[in-house]
Amino acid sequence: MKKYVAEFIGTFFLMATIGNVVLNPGGAGDMAPLAIGAALMVMVFANGHLSGAHFNPAVTLAVWLR
């Protein structure tokens, strides 16, 4: 169960970061990829040992289907 919770938290924060950075007009601008990468890096370091760090929803779905 810890794996699923860690995946959910990591995916949630990654998607929230992408949504806030990309959809906010006049937001991060050229720094958007850096913000997204930093959020992903933090989630991998925080939860990677629990779940394997498949925080991209497409990768998570593919691993689940496999």
Protein backbone atom coordinates (compact mmCIF):
# COMPACT_ATOMS: atom_id res chain seq x y z
CA MET A 1 0.00 0.00 0.00
CA LYS A 2 2.94 2.35 0.63
CA LYS A 3 3.93 2.05 -3.03
CA TYR A 4 0.53 3.21 -4.22
CA VAL A 5 0.40 6.12 -1.80
CA ALA A 6 3.92 7.21 -2.79
CA GLU A 7 3.00 6.97 -6.49
CA PHE A 8 -0.17 8.99 -5.93
CA ILE A 9 1.62 11.71 -3.98
CA GLY A 10 4.46 11.95 -6.49
CA THR A 11 2.14 12.02 -9.50
CA PHE A 12 -0.14 14.54 -7.82
CA PHE A 13 2.69 16.97 -7.09
CA LEU A 14 4.19 16.54 -10.55
CA MET A 15 0.84 17.23 -12.24
CA ALA A 16 0.11 20.13 -9.87
CA THR A 17 3.49 21.67 -10.67
CA ILE A 18 2.96 21.28 -14.40
CA GLY A 19 -0.52 22.70 -14.16
CA ASN A 20 0.53 25.70 -12.10
CA VAL A 21 3.60 26.49 -14.18
CA VAL A 22 2.23 25.93 -17.67
CA LEU A 23 -1.34 27.16 -17.28
CA ASN A 24 -0.47 30.30 -15.31
CA PRO A 25 -0.23 33.14 -17.85
CA GLY A 26 2.97 35.09 -17.31
CA GLY A 27 4.11 32.53 -14.75
CA ALA A 28 7.52 30.88 -14.91
CA GLY A 29 8.12 31.61 -18.60
CA ASP A 30 11.52 30.26 -19.63
CA MET A 31 12.04 28.70 -16.21
CA ALA A 32 9.06 26.30 -16.52
CA PRO A 33 11.15 23.25 -17.50
CA LEU A 34 13.47 23.90 -14.57
CA ALA A 35 10.54 24.11 -12.14
CA ILE A 36 9.03 20.88 -13.48
CA GLY A 37 12.38 19.09 -13.37
CA ALA A 38 13.05 20.30 -9.83
CA ALA A 39 9.64 19.07 -8.65
CA LEU A 40 10.24 15.69 -10.27
CA MET A 41 13.71 15.47 -8.72
CA VAL A 42 12.33 16.17 -5.25
CA MET A 43 9.63 13.52 -5.66
CA VAL A 44 12.14 10.93 -6.92
CA PHE A 45 14.48 11.55 -4.00
CA ALA A 46 11.60 11.56 -1.50
CA ASN A 47 9.61 8.57 -2.76
CA GLY A 48 11.80 6.71 -5.23
CA HIS A 49 12.95 4.10 -2.73
CA LEU A 50 9.33 3.21 -1.97
CA SER A 51 7.71 3.00 -5.37
CA GLY A 52 10.38 2.92 -8.06
CA ALA A 53 9.61 6.52 -9.05
CA HIS A 54 7.28 6.05 -12.03
CA PHE A 55 5.71 9.44 -11.46
CA ASN A 56 4.79 10.03 -15.08
CA PRO A 57 1.15 8.86 -15.32
CA ALA A 58 1.80 7.25 -18.71
CA VAL A 59 4.67 5.20 -17.30
CA THR A 60 2.63 4.25 -14.24
CA LEU A 61 -0.23 3.08 -16.45
CA ALA A 62 2.12 1.12 -18.71
CA VAL A 63 3.78 -0.61 -15.75
CA TRP A 64 0.38 -1.41 -14.26
CA LEU A 65 -0.92 -2.83 -17.57
CA ARG A 66 2.23 -4.88 -18.08
